[in-house]
Amino acid sequence: MTPEYAEVLALQALGHVAADEELSGAFMGASGLSPDDMRRGATDPSFLASVLDFLTQRDDWVMAFCDARALPYDAPLQARYALPGAEQIHWT
């Protein structure tokens, strides 16, 4: 996946999170961001990566997002790998 397509997908994820009151509340609560911060972050690839980090925490969130856009369930994670900071993920 190209970084450009990953940003598009992450913007879609941001829209999905922002449109869902429960998700947006959880995201803003966990991150300490305001709605204005979220709008400003839409142009920052690192912020978009954080949206994907948040969304991919739960399978049901990923499935709802992907089902709404007819995307394969691995698309958000593939997009995350194409954005800044993915090289820093360590599972140990």
C-alpha atoms as a PDB file:
ATOM      1  CA  MET A   1       0.000   0.000   0.000  1.00  0.00           C
ATOM      2  CA  THR A   2       1.327   3.425  -0.899  1.00  0.00           C
ATOM      3  CA  PRO A   3       1.626   6.127   1.736  1.00  0.00           C
ATOM      4  CA  GLU A   4      -0.786   8.265  -0.282  1.00  0.00           C
ATOM      5  CA  TYR A   5      -3.498   5.592  -0.310  1.00  0.00           C
ATOM      6  CA  ALA A   6      -2.819   4.900   3.364  1.00  0.00           C
ATOM      7  CA  GLU A   7      -3.508   8.567   4.131  1.00  0.00           C
ATOM      8  CA  VAL A   8      -6.795   8.408   2.212  1.00  0.00           C
ATOM      9  CA  LEU A   9      -7.821   5.310   4.127  1.00  0.00           C
ATOM     10  CA  ALA A  10      -6.780   6.927   7.414  1.00  0.00           C
ATOM     11  CA  LEU A  11      -8.849  10.018   6.570  1.00  0.00           C
ATOM     12  CA  GLN A  12     -11.814   7.702   6.005  1.00  0.00           C
ATOM     13  CA  ALA A  13     -11.091   6.118   9.376  1.00  0.00           C
ATOM     14  CA  LEU A  14     -10.976   9.566  10.986  1.00  0.00           C
ATOM     15  CA  GLY A  15     -14.355  10.358   9.454  1.00  0.00           C
ATOM     16  CA  HIS A  16     -15.699   7.039  10.706  1.00  0.00           C
ATOM     17  CA  VAL A  17     -14.439   7.700  14.243  1.00  0.00           C
ATOM     18  CA  ALA A  18     -15.691  11.306  14.235  1.00  0.00           C
ATOM     19  CA  ALA A  19     -19.156  10.267  13.023  1.00  0.00           C
ATOM     20  CA  ASP A  20     -19.607   7.714  15.795  1.00  0.00           C
ATOM     21  CA  GLU A  21     -20.283   9.365  19.150  1.00  0.00           C
ATOM     22  CA  GLU A  22     -19.015   6.401  21.160  1.00  0.00           C
ATOM     23  CA  LEU A  23     -15.826   6.007  19.116  1.00  0.00           C
ATOM     24  CA  SER A  24     -15.046   9.704  18.988  1.00  0.00           C
ATOM     25  CA  GLY A  25     -15.588   9.983  22.744  1.00  0.00           C
ATOM     26  CA  ALA A  26     -13.276   7.045  23.354  1.00  0.00           C
ATOM     27  CA  PHE A  27     -10.634   8.456  20.994  1.00  0.00           C
ATOM     28  CA  MET A  28     -10.746  11.942  22.454  1.00  0.00           C
ATOM     29  CA  GLY A  29     -10.797  10.570  25.990  1.00  0.00           C
ATOM     30  CA  ALA A  30      -7.796   8.332  25.380  1.00  0.00           C
ATOM     31  CA  SER A  31      -5.814  10.978  23.522  1.00  0.00           C
ATOM     32  CA  GLY A  32      -6.904  14.137  25.313  1.00  0.00           C
ATOM     33  CA  LEU A  33      -7.785  15.739  21.982  1.00  0.00           C
ATOM     34  CA  SER A  34     -10.651  18.102  21.244  1.00  0.00           C
ATOM     35  CA  PRO A  35     -12.783  18.075  18.079  1.00  0.00           C
ATOM     36  CA  ASP A  36     -10.709  21.032  16.829  1.00  0.00           C
ATOM     37  CA  ASP A  37      -7.511  19.053  17.413  1.00  0.00           C
ATOM     38  CA  MET A  38      -8.969  16.207  15.370  1.00  0.00           C
ATOM     39  CA  ARG A  39      -9.802  18.552  12.485  1.00  0.00           C
ATOM     40  CA  ARG A  40      -6.306  20.043  12.535  1.00  0.00           C
ATOM     41  CA  GLY A  41      -4.750  16.590  12.660  1.00  0.00           C
ATOM     42  CA  ALA A  42      -6.418  15.526   9.426  1.00  0.00           C
ATOM     43  CA  THR A  43      -3.463  16.887   7.430  1.00  0.00           C
ATOM     44  CA  ASP A  44      -0.767  15.243   9.563  1.00  0.00           C
ATOM     45  CA  PRO A  45       0.278  11.704   8.544  1.00  0.00           C
ATOM     46  CA  SER A  46       1.494  10.982  12.080  1.00  0.00           C
ATOM     47  CA  PHE A  47      -1.874  11.944  13.520  1.00  0.00           C
ATOM     48  CA  LEU A  48      -3.652   9.826  10.911  1.00  0.00           C
ATOM     49  CA  ALA A  49      -1.443   6.928  11.957  1.00  0.00           C
ATOM     50  CA  SER A  50      -2.640   7.427  15.531  1.00  0.00           C
ATOM     51  CA  VAL A  51      -6.242   7.177  14.336  1.00  0.00           C
ATOM     52  CA  LEU A  52      -5.441   3.820  12.767  1.00  0.00           C
ATOM     53  CA  ASP A  53      -3.602   2.745  15.921  1.00  0.00           C
ATOM     54  CA  PHE A  54      -6.767   3.524  17.867  1.00  0.00           C
ATOM     55  CA  LEU A  55      -9.159   1.896  15.410  1.00  0.00           C
ATOM     56  CA  THR A  56      -7.170  -1.330  15.194  1.00  0.00           C
ATOM     57  CA  GLN A  57      -7.326  -1.888  18.952  1.00  0.00           C
ATOM     58  CA  ARG A  58     -10.609  -3.767  18.624  1.00  0.00           C
ATOM     59  CA  ASP A  59     -11.759  -6.226  16.014  1.00  0.00           C
ATOM     60  CA  ASP A  60     -15.359  -4.993  16.132  1.00  0.00           C
ATOM     61  CA  TRP A  61     -14.225  -1.445  15.347  1.00  0.00           C
ATOM     62  CA  VAL A  62     -12.126  -2.660  12.411  1.00  0.00           C
ATOM     63  CA  MET A  63     -14.936  -4.827  11.100  1.00  0.00           C
ATOM     64  CA  ALA A  64     -17.522  -2.022  11.311  1.00  0.00           C
ATOM     65  CA  PHE A  65     -15.216   0.396   9.502  1.00  0.00           C
ATOM     66  CA  CYS A  66     -14.259  -2.094   6.803  1.00  0.00           C
ATOM     67  CA  ASP A  67     -17.814  -3.364   6.318  1.00  0.00           C
ATOM     68  CA  ALA A  68     -19.046   0.208   5.833  1.00  0.00           C
ATOM     69  CA  ARG A  69     -16.477   0.735   3.056  1.00  0.00           C
ATOM     70  CA  ALA A  70     -16.300  -2.749   1.561  1.00  0.00           C
ATOM     71  CA  LEU A  71     -12.632  -3.040   2.539  1.00  0.00           C
ATOM     72  CA  PRO A  72     -10.774  -6.185   3.535  1.00  0.00           C
ATOM     73  CA  TYR A  73     -10.335  -6.457   7.281  1.00  0.00           C
ATOM     74  CA  ASP A  74      -6.570  -6.098   7.038  1.00  0.00           C
ATOM     75  CA  ALA A  75      -6.756  -2.749   5.190  1.00  0.00           C
ATOM     76  CA  PRO A  76      -6.480  -0.505   8.282  1.00  0.00           C
ATOM     77  CA  LEU A  77      -3.417  -2.359   9.526  1.00  0.00           C
ATOM     78  CA  GLN A  78      -1.825  -2.332   6.084  1.00  0.00           C
ATOM     79  CA  ALA A  79      -2.439   1.416   5.935  1.00  0.00           C
ATOM     80  CA  ARG A  80      -0.912   1.816   9.391  1.00  0.00           C
ATOM     81  CA  TYR A  81       2.255   0.077   8.227  1.00  0.00           C
ATOM     82  CA  ALA A  82       2.541   2.564   5.340  1.00  0.00           C
ATOM     83  CA  LEU A  83       2.365   5.646   7.583  1.00  0.00           C
ATOM     84  CA  PRO A  84       5.051   7.205   9.820  1.00  0.00           C
ATOM     85  CA  GLY A  85       5.954   5.425  13.029  1.00  0.00           C
ATOM     86  CA  ALA A  86       5.109   1.860  12.032  1.00  0.00           C
ATOM     87  CA  GLU A  87       8.755   0.923  12.168  1.00  0.00           C
ATOM     88  CA  GLN A  88       8.640   1.633  15.906  1.00  0.00           C
ATOM     89  CA  ILE A  89       6.042  -1.021  16.731  1.00  0.00           C
ATOM     90  CA  HIS A  90       7.505  -3.741  18.934  1.00  0.00           C
ATOM     91  CA  TRP A  91       5.508  -6.688  20.208  1.00  0.00           C
ATOM     92  CA  THR A  92       8.047  -7.875  22.779  1.00  0.00           C
END
